[in-house]
Amino acid sequence: MAASSKRTKRIRQKIEDETPLTIEESRAIRREALNLELEYHRELKAKDDEIRRLRELLEAEKEIATIKKTDQIQPINKESENKEFDEGKVTEEQLQILSYVAEQGNRTLVGNILQSSQKWGVNRVKTEYNIGELEKYGYLSGSFDSEFNDTRYEITHKGRTALVDNGKY
């Protein structure tokens, strides 16, 4: 029976190979081919979109790494830090804060200083640090203003001296 089964299978295959497709079968094959092609293009577009998104993400991470590199905080030698302030030397960013407070009528809200520092290209944390250092070493004096629920700063004589000594006034 095995030989007979093989022979029958061969004859059936030969007939199928030689028999033309019906119109309906031909249309079904074309539809399937078109659907497969559409699916292929959808997958290709999805992969291209994913590659583009990953490239954008990689570029953003590179930018962040570059920013972090340029904004890295350097270790501070506390002795030299104290000495600089004792000698009346302040950084350009700190002089900018002192100038701003002086120009604003000498009673400036910390929120206003922070907003302005962003326009100068200095981030909030660094500005808050600089304000704290200026207050710590007596260049600024701060007091809480309950009306505005914020701290007001005024420049001290030492702060005005630093501005004059550094050619800002």
C-alpha atoms as a PDB file:
ATOM      1  CA  MET A   1       0.000   0.000   0.000  1.00  0.00           C
ATOM      2  CA  ALA A   2       2.906   2.340   0.621  1.00  0.00           C
ATOM      3  CA  ALA A   3       3.944   2.203  -3.041  1.00  0.00           C
ATOM      4  CA  SER A   4       0.368   2.778  -4.110  1.00  0.00           C
ATOM      5  CA  SER A   5       0.075   5.735  -1.738  1.00  0.00           C
ATOM      6  CA  LYS A   6       3.267   7.280  -3.091  1.00  0.00           C
ATOM      7  CA  ARG A   7       2.105   6.790  -6.663  1.00  0.00           C
ATOM      8  CA  THR A   8      -1.272   8.381  -5.904  1.00  0.00           C
ATOM      9  CA  LYS A   9       0.450  11.315  -4.226  1.00  0.00           C
ATOM     10  CA  ARG A  10       2.725  11.844  -7.270  1.00  0.00           C
ATOM     11  CA  ILE A  11      -0.189  11.733  -9.678  1.00  0.00           C
ATOM     12  CA  ARG A  12      -2.185  14.188  -7.535  1.00  0.00           C
ATOM     13  CA  GLN A  13       0.833  16.574  -7.345  1.00  0.00           C
ATOM     14  CA  LYS A  14       1.329  16.383 -11.141  1.00  0.00           C
ATOM     15  CA  ILE A  15      -2.338  17.226 -11.729  1.00  0.00           C
ATOM     16  CA  GLU A  16      -2.199  20.151  -9.272  1.00  0.00           C
ATOM     17  CA  ASP A  17       0.989  21.471 -10.906  1.00  0.00           C
ATOM     18  CA  GLU A  18      -0.601  21.353 -14.373  1.00  0.00           C
ATOM     19  CA  THR A  19      -4.060  22.640 -13.403  1.00  0.00           C
ATOM     20  CA  PRO A  20      -4.399  26.436 -13.853  1.00  0.00           C
ATOM     21  CA  LEU A  21      -5.637  28.484 -10.915  1.00  0.00           C
ATOM     22  CA  THR A  22      -9.192  29.647 -10.859  1.00  0.00           C
ATOM     23  CA  ILE A  23      -9.814  33.387 -11.003  1.00  0.00           C
ATOM     24  CA  GLU A  24     -10.853  33.362  -7.347  1.00  0.00           C
ATOM     25  CA  GLU A  25      -7.683  31.484  -6.315  1.00  0.00           C
ATOM     26  CA  SER A  26      -5.575  33.906  -8.334  1.00  0.00           C
ATOM     27  CA  ARG A  27      -7.260  36.920  -6.675  1.00  0.00           C
ATOM     28  CA  ALA A  28      -6.779  35.356  -3.236  1.00  0.00           C
ATOM     29  CA  ILE A  29      -3.066  34.874  -3.909  1.00  0.00           C
ATOM     30  CA  ARG A  30      -2.721  38.449  -5.166  1.00  0.00           C
ATOM     31  CA  ARG A  31      -4.572  39.781  -2.086  1.00  0.00           C
ATOM     32  CA  GLU A  32      -2.326  37.754   0.193  1.00  0.00           C
ATOM     33  CA  ALA A  33       0.797  39.026  -1.647  1.00  0.00           C
ATOM     34  CA  LEU A  34      -0.454  42.622  -1.361  1.00  0.00           C
ATOM     35  CA  ASN A  35      -1.245  42.182   2.340  1.00  0.00           C
ATOM     36  CA  LEU A  36       2.209  40.697   2.933  1.00  0.00           C
ATOM     37  CA  GLU A  37       3.826  43.623   1.094  1.00  0.00           C
ATOM     38  CA  LEU A  38       1.808  46.160   3.108  1.00  0.00           C
ATOM     39  CA  GLU A  39       2.725  44.421   6.353  1.00  0.00           C
ATOM     40  CA  TYR A  40       6.390  44.412   5.283  1.00  0.00           C
ATOM     41  CA  HIS A  41       6.308  48.180   4.631  1.00  0.00           C
ATOM     42  CA  ARG A  42       4.536  48.837   7.962  1.00  0.00           C
ATOM     43  CA  GLU A  43       7.214  46.863   9.816  1.00  0.00           C
ATOM     44  CA  LEU A  44       9.964  48.615   7.855  1.00  0.00           C
ATOM     45  CA  LYS A  45       8.507  52.043   8.741  1.00  0.00           C
ATOM     46  CA  ALA A  46       8.154  51.020  12.405  1.00  0.00           C
ATOM     47  CA  LYS A  47      11.796  49.920  12.482  1.00  0.00           C
ATOM     48  CA  ASP A  48      12.910  53.175  10.784  1.00  0.00           C
ATOM     49  CA  ASP A  49      10.900  55.171  13.329  1.00  0.00           C
ATOM     50  CA  GLU A  50      12.460  53.184  16.178  1.00  0.00           C
ATOM     51  CA  ILE A  51      15.962  53.767  14.786  1.00  0.00           C
ATOM     52  CA  ARG A  52      15.247  57.511  14.449  1.00  0.00           C
ATOM     53  CA  ARG A  53      13.882  57.671  18.015  1.00  0.00           C
ATOM     54  CA  LEU A  54      16.906  55.815  19.396  1.00  0.00           C
ATOM     55  CA  ARG A  55      19.285  58.105  17.499  1.00  0.00           C
ATOM     56  CA  GLU A  56      17.512  61.166  18.937  1.00  0.00           C
ATOM     57  CA  LEU A  57      17.725  59.641  22.403  1.00  0.00           C
ATOM     58  CA  LEU A  58      21.433  58.958  21.927  1.00  0.00           C
ATOM     59  CA  GLU A  59      22.016  62.545  20.770  1.00  0.00           C
ATOM     60  CA  ALA A  60      20.118  63.876  23.801  1.00  0.00           C
ATOM     61  CA  GLU A  61      22.219  61.703  26.115  1.00  0.00           C
ATOM     62  CA  LYS A  62      25.395  62.966  24.432  1.00  0.00           C
ATOM     63  CA  GLU A  63      24.236  66.566  24.979  1.00  0.00           C
ATOM     64  CA  ILE A  64      23.486  65.844  28.630  1.00  0.00           C
ATOM     65  CA  ALA A  65      26.911  64.243  29.070  1.00  0.00           C
ATOM     66  CA  THR A  66      28.546  67.294  27.484  1.00  0.00           C
ATOM     67  CA  ILE A  67      26.607  69.655  29.737  1.00  0.00           C
ATOM     68  CA  LYS A  68      27.482  67.586  32.796  1.00  0.00           C
ATOM     69  CA  LYS A  69      31.149  67.654  31.785  1.00  0.00           C
ATOM     70  CA  THR A  70      31.209  71.427  31.423  1.00  0.00           C
ATOM     71  CA  ASP A  71      29.172  72.033  34.591  1.00  0.00           C
ATOM     72  CA  GLN A  72      31.024  69.591  36.811  1.00  0.00           C
ATOM     73  CA  ILE A  73      31.615  70.954  40.257  1.00  0.00           C
ATOM     74  CA  GLN A  74      35.277  71.067  41.072  1.00  0.00           C
ATOM     75  CA  PRO A  75      36.405  70.131  44.575  1.00  0.00           C
ATOM     76  CA  ILE A  76      36.864  73.220  46.695  1.00  0.00           C
ATOM     77  CA  ASN A  77      39.765  73.769  48.988  1.00  0.00           C
ATOM     78  CA  LYS A  78      38.040  75.362  52.003  1.00  0.00           C
ATOM     79  CA  GLU A  79      41.156  77.279  53.029  1.00  0.00           C
ATOM     80  CA  SER A  80      41.508  78.954  49.642  1.00  0.00           C
ATOM     81  CA  GLU A  81      37.752  79.615  49.525  1.00  0.00           C
ATOM     82  CA  ASN A  82      37.841  81.465  52.855  1.00  0.00           C
ATOM     83  CA  LYS A  83      40.988  83.322  51.845  1.00  0.00           C
ATOM     84  CA  GLU A  84      39.413  84.533  48.589  1.00  0.00           C
ATOM     85  CA  PHE A  85      36.442  85.970  50.415  1.00  0.00           C
ATOM     86  CA  ASP A  86      38.618  87.464  53.122  1.00  0.00           C
ATOM     87  CA  GLU A  87      40.582  89.286  50.429  1.00  0.00           C
ATOM     88  CA  GLY A  88      37.391  90.590  48.831  1.00  0.00           C
ATOM     89  CA  LYS A  89      37.577  88.375  45.744  1.00  0.00           C
ATOM     90  CA  VAL A  90      34.294  87.029  44.434  1.00  0.00           C
ATOM     91  CA  THR A  91      33.463  85.163  41.227  1.00  0.00           C
ATOM     92  CA  GLU A  92      31.966  86.854  38.161  1.00  0.00           C
ATOM     93  CA  GLU A  93      28.650  85.128  38.817  1.00  0.00           C
ATOM     94  CA  GLN A  94      28.654  86.426  42.393  1.00  0.00           C
ATOM     95  CA  LEU A  95      29.527  89.935  41.189  1.00  0.00           C
ATOM     96  CA  GLN A  96      26.607  89.664  38.762  1.00  0.00           C
ATOM     97  CA  ILE A  97      24.279  88.831  41.658  1.00  0.00           C
ATOM     98  CA  LEU A  98      25.648  91.737  43.727  1.00  0.00           C
ATOM     99  CA  SER A  99      25.206  94.119  40.770  1.00  0.00           C
ATOM    100  CA  TYR A 100      21.659  92.921  40.224  1.00  0.00           C
ATOM    101  CA  VAL A 101      20.730  93.428  43.883  1.00  0.00           C
ATOM    102  CA  ALA A 102      22.310  96.897  43.845  1.00  0.00           C
ATOM    103  CA  GLU A 103      20.451  97.862  40.645  1.00  0.00           C
ATOM    104  CA  GLN A 104      17.095  96.630  42.016  1.00  0.00           C
ATOM    105  CA  GLY A 105      17.058  99.119  44.834  1.00  0.00           C
ATOM    106  CA  ASN A 106      18.883  96.991  47.334  1.00  0.00           C
ATOM    107  CA  ARG A 107      15.846  95.012  48.604  1.00  0.00           C
ATOM    108  CA  THR A 108      15.587  92.185  46.096  1.00  0.00           C
ATOM    109  CA  LEU A 109      13.518  89.014  46.440  1.00  0.00           C
ATOM    110  CA  VAL A 110      15.442  85.775  45.977  1.00  0.00           C
ATOM    111  CA  GLY A 111      12.856  84.646  43.383  1.00  0.00           C
ATOM    112  CA  ASN A 112      13.739  87.649  41.215  1.00  0.00           C
ATOM    113  CA  ILE A 113      17.450  86.874  41.487  1.00  0.00           C
ATOM    114  CA  LEU A 114      16.830  83.255  40.464  1.00  0.00           C
ATOM    115  CA  GLN A 115      14.737  84.308  37.453  1.00  0.00           C
ATOM    116  CA  SER A 116      17.375  86.764  36.286  1.00  0.00           C
ATOM    117  CA  SER A 117      20.205  84.283  36.733  1.00  0.00           C
ATOM    118  CA  GLN A 118      18.497  81.935  34.266  1.00  0.00           C
ATOM    119  CA  LYS A 119      18.625  84.746  31.693  1.00  0.00           C
ATOM    120  CA  TRP A 120      22.357  85.034  32.423  1.00  0.00           C
ATOM    121  CA  GLY A 121      22.720  81.302  31.681  1.00  0.00           C
ATOM    122  CA  VAL A 122      23.384  80.239  35.286  1.00  0.00           C
ATOM    123  CA  ASN A 123      21.346  77.355  36.674  1.00  0.00           C
ATOM    124  CA  ARG A 124      19.222  77.650  39.796  1.00  0.00           C
ATOM    125  CA  VAL A 125      21.365  75.467  42.064  1.00  0.00           C
ATOM    126  CA  LYS A 126      24.528  77.396  41.271  1.00  0.00           C
ATOM    127  CA  THR A 127      22.742  80.704  41.848  1.00  0.00           C
ATOM    128  CA  GLU A 128      21.378  79.524  45.190  1.00  0.00           C
ATOM    129  CA  TYR A 129      24.897  78.400  46.134  1.00  0.00           C
ATOM    130  CA  ASN A 130      26.351  81.785  45.177  1.00  0.00           C
ATOM    131  CA  ILE A 131      23.678  83.663  47.140  1.00  0.00           C
ATOM    132  CA  GLY A 132      24.432  81.483  50.166  1.00  0.00           C
ATOM    133  CA  GLU A 133      28.170  82.151  49.859  1.00  0.00           C
ATOM    134  CA  LEU A 134      27.624  85.901  49.500  1.00  0.00           C
ATOM    135  CA  GLU A 135      25.426  85.902  52.591  1.00  0.00           C
ATOM    136  CA  LYS A 136      27.774  83.607  54.510  1.00  0.00           C
ATOM    137  CA  TYR A 137      30.743  85.921  53.956  1.00  0.00           C
ATOM    138  CA  GLY A 138      28.841  89.151  54.583  1.00  0.00           C
ATOM    139  CA  TYR A 139      28.386  90.513  51.059  1.00  0.00           C
ATOM    140  CA  LEU A 140      24.590  90.165  51.192  1.00  0.00           C
ATOM    141  CA  SER A 141      22.162  90.320  54.069  1.00  0.00           C
ATOM    142  CA  GLY A 142      18.888  88.426  53.828  1.00  0.00           C
ATOM    143  CA  SER A 143      15.648  88.665  55.763  1.00  0.00           C
ATOM    144  CA  PHE A 144      12.321  86.906  55.309  1.00  0.00           C
ATOM    145  CA  ASP A 145       9.496  89.034  53.865  1.00  0.00           C
ATOM    146  CA  SER A 146       6.166  87.562  55.013  1.00  0.00           C
ATOM    147  CA  GLU A 147       4.213  89.739  52.580  1.00  0.00           C
ATOM    148  CA  PHE A 148       5.858  87.969  49.616  1.00  0.00           C
ATOM    149  CA  ASN A 149       6.686  84.735  51.453  1.00  0.00           C
ATOM    150  CA  ASP A 150      10.255  85.026  50.166  1.00  0.00           C
ATOM    151  CA  THR A 151      13.656  86.188  51.328  1.00  0.00           C
ATOM    152  CA  ARG A 152      14.735  89.741  50.494  1.00  0.00           C
ATOM    153  CA  TYR A 153      18.389  90.526  50.057  1.00  0.00           C
ATOM    154  CA  GLU A 154      20.210  93.758  50.421  1.00  0.00           C
ATOM    155  CA  ILE A 155      23.817  94.423  49.641  1.00  0.00           C
ATOM    156  CA  THR A 156      26.110  95.190  52.579  1.00  0.00           C
ATOM    157  CA  HIS A 157      28.972  97.667  52.705  1.00  0.00           C
ATOM    158  CA  LYS A 158      31.330  94.748  52.072  1.00  0.00           C
ATOM    159  CA  GLY A 159      29.280  93.843  48.982  1.00  0.00           C
ATOM    160  CA  ARG A 160      29.395  97.409  47.646  1.00  0.00           C
ATOM    161  CA  THR A 161      33.142  97.453  48.299  1.00  0.00           C
ATOM    162  CA  ALA A 162      33.544  94.252  46.255  1.00  0.00           C
ATOM    163  CA  LEU A 163      31.618  95.831  43.352  1.00  0.00           C
ATOM    164  CA  VAL A 164      33.746  98.984  43.444  1.00  0.00           C
ATOM    165  CA  ASP A 165      37.023  97.045  43.854  1.00  0.00           C
ATOM    166  CA  ASN A 166      36.148  94.845  40.872  1.00  0.00           C
ATOM    167  CA  GLY A 167      35.310  97.795  38.621  1.00  0.00           C
ATOM    168  CA  LYS A 168      31.577  97.169  38.489  1.00  0.00           C
ATOM    169  CA  TYR A 169      30.779 100.707  39.818  1.00  0.00           C
END
